[in-house]
Structure formats: C-alpha cells, structure tokens
Amino acid sequence: MITINFIAAPADNSWANSTFDCKTGQTLMQAATAHNVKGIEADCGGLMTCGTCHVFVREPHASQLPPPSSDELAMLDFTATPRQPNSRLSCQITLTPALDGLTVDLPASQH
C-alpha cells in the first residue's frame, strides 16, 4: 500500500482534502473512484475517451512519471479546466511504490 493525497480545488468547499492508502498496480483513477474522491468523475471508466479524471500532479512525482502518450496529450486538450504543464489523466498513472506520498490537485470542474 502507498499513500496518495488528493487536494480539493480551491473553490470547492464541499469536501476536505483527503489522504488514502491505495494499492499498487491500480491506476490513480481506480484508487480515487474506490475511495469516492469527489472531483474524479471517470465517466469512461479509464478508456481515455472523456478527460474527466484530469489531475494536476505535484512535484517531485510529476517529473518522475513516464511521459504522457500522444493520445493522453490530445485528450488533455479537451479537459473542462484548462490544461497545465503538470496535467495528467489519472487513468494513465499506474501506482507504484515509487509514487508513495503522491499529491494531486483536483481541477475546479471535470465538465
């Protein structure tokens, strides 16, 4: 198990920041949906066809992730909240022991 930190969007006062113990081998999106993280919609279930699992990955982990595929980069162009340099689709991040302590910021909206 590794620890993952989800940080609520600044304008979202309806829930607090959350920290969860998550299984390695699953995607960050799967971990978020398993813990009912508000702000990860995952409408397509991880097929990378909707962009509703958009997150902003904080350092030091952002630079340690494998680079996004061309398909992920294309999908990030269609996210509801504008893409940032550290934007990723959580369905494309596989949790490994090296990601223990990963912190992601959630966008203000996925739709």
Protein backbone atom coordinates (compact mmCIF):
# COMPACT_ATOMS: atom_id res chain seq x y z
CA MET A 1 0.00 0.00 0.00
CA ILE A 2 1.07 3.55 -0.70
CA THR A 3 -0.28 6.89 0.46
CA ILE A 4 -1.92 9.25 -2.02
CA ASN A 5 -3.05 12.82 -1.25
CA PHE A 6 -5.97 14.40 -3.11
CA ILE A 7 -6.25 18.19 -2.76
CA ALA A 8 -9.65 19.77 -3.39
CA ALA A 9 -9.98 22.60 -5.89
CA PRO A 10 -9.69 25.99 -4.13
CA ALA A 11 -13.32 26.87 -4.94
CA ASP A 12 -14.68 23.52 -3.70
CA ASN A 13 -15.64 23.92 -0.05
CA SER A 14 -17.90 20.86 -0.06
CA TRP A 15 -15.21 18.40 1.00
CA ALA A 16 -11.85 18.36 2.70
CA ASN A 17 -8.53 17.28 1.31
CA SER A 18 -8.14 13.52 1.58
CA THR A 19 -5.32 11.07 2.10
CA PHE A 20 -5.78 7.37 1.38
CA ASP A 21 -3.79 4.18 1.46
CA CYS A 22 -4.00 2.75 -2.05
CA LYS A 23 -3.00 -0.50 -3.72
CA THR A 24 -0.06 -0.55 -6.07
CA GLY A 25 -0.80 -1.85 -9.55
CA GLN A 26 -4.08 0.02 -9.92
CA THR A 27 -4.40 3.35 -11.64
CA LEU A 28 -4.74 6.59 -9.75
CA MET A 29 -8.27 6.89 -11.21
CA GLN A 30 -9.20 3.45 -9.84
CA ALA A 31 -7.87 4.42 -6.42
CA ALA A 32 -9.82 7.69 -6.50
CA THR A 33 -13.09 6.07 -7.50
CA ALA A 34 -12.63 3.26 -4.95
CA HIS A 35 -12.39 5.94 -2.25
CA ASN A 36 -15.22 8.07 -3.72
CA VAL A 37 -12.97 11.06 -4.26
CA LYS A 38 -15.18 13.95 -5.28
CA GLY A 39 -13.73 15.59 -8.36
CA ILE A 40 -12.70 12.45 -10.25
CA GLU A 41 -15.67 11.67 -12.47
CA ALA A 42 -14.08 8.92 -14.61
CA ASP A 43 -17.06 8.86 -16.97
CA CYS A 44 -15.38 6.50 -19.45
CA GLY A 45 -14.07 4.13 -16.79
CA GLY A 46 -10.44 4.64 -17.74
CA LEU A 47 -10.64 4.22 -21.51
CA MET A 48 -9.11 7.68 -22.04
CA THR A 49 -12.08 8.92 -24.05
CA CYS A 50 -13.53 11.59 -21.75
CA GLY A 51 -10.86 13.52 -19.82
CA THR A 52 -12.94 13.55 -16.60
CA CYS A 53 -10.15 12.13 -14.47
CA HIS A 54 -7.90 15.15 -15.04
CA VAL A 55 -5.49 15.95 -12.18
CA PHE A 56 -2.52 18.23 -11.56
CA VAL A 57 0.45 16.20 -10.29
CA ARG A 58 2.73 17.94 -7.81
CA GLU A 59 6.48 17.58 -7.70
CA PRO A 60 8.56 15.64 -7.01
CA HIS A 61 6.37 13.00 -8.60
CA ALA A 62 5.30 14.90 -11.73
CA SER A 63 8.80 14.73 -13.22
CA GLN A 64 9.19 11.07 -12.18
CA LEU A 65 6.17 9.83 -14.16
CA PRO A 66 6.59 8.36 -17.61
CA PRO A 67 5.77 10.98 -20.22
CA PRO A 68 2.16 11.11 -21.39
CA SER A 69 1.33 9.34 -24.64
CA SER A 70 0.24 11.32 -27.68
CA ASP A 71 -3.33 10.10 -27.03
CA GLU A 72 -3.24 11.39 -23.46
CA LEU A 73 -1.85 14.73 -24.62
CA ALA A 74 -4.63 15.01 -27.18
CA MET A 75 -7.32 14.23 -24.58
CA LEU A 76 -5.85 16.81 -22.19
CA ASP A 77 -6.63 19.45 -24.83
CA PHE A 78 -10.34 18.80 -24.19
CA THR A 79 -10.49 18.95 -20.40
CA ALA A 80 -13.03 21.30 -18.80
CA THR A 81 -10.38 23.00 -16.68
CA PRO A 82 -7.51 24.34 -18.79
CA ARG A 83 -4.50 22.09 -19.06
CA GLN A 84 -1.36 22.97 -17.09
CA PRO A 85 2.22 21.71 -17.55
CA ASN A 86 1.61 19.17 -14.75
CA SER A 87 -1.79 18.00 -16.06
CA ARG A 88 -2.32 14.26 -16.39
CA LEU A 89 -5.22 11.87 -16.77
CA SER A 90 -5.35 9.81 -13.59
CA CYS A 91 -6.41 6.75 -15.62
CA GLN A 92 -2.95 6.76 -17.17
CA ILE A 93 -0.97 6.80 -13.91
CA THR A 94 -0.24 3.33 -12.56
CA LEU A 95 0.51 3.37 -8.84
CA THR A 96 3.92 2.00 -7.91
CA PRO A 97 5.90 2.07 -4.65
CA ALA A 98 7.91 4.97 -6.10
CA LEU A 99 4.71 7.07 -6.03
CA ASP A 100 4.24 6.74 -2.26
CA GLY A 101 3.24 10.19 -1.00
CA LEU A 102 1.95 11.33 -4.39
CA THR A 103 -0.07 14.54 -4.15
CA VAL A 104 -2.50 15.64 -6.84
CA ASP A 105 -4.64 18.74 -7.07
CA LEU A 106 -8.13 18.32 -8.44
CA PRO A 107 -9.46 20.77 -11.04
CA ALA A 108 -12.40 23.05 -10.31
CA SER A 109 -14.53 21.10 -12.78
CA GLN A 110 -14.40 17.96 -14.90
CA HIS A 111 -17.42 19.02 -17.02
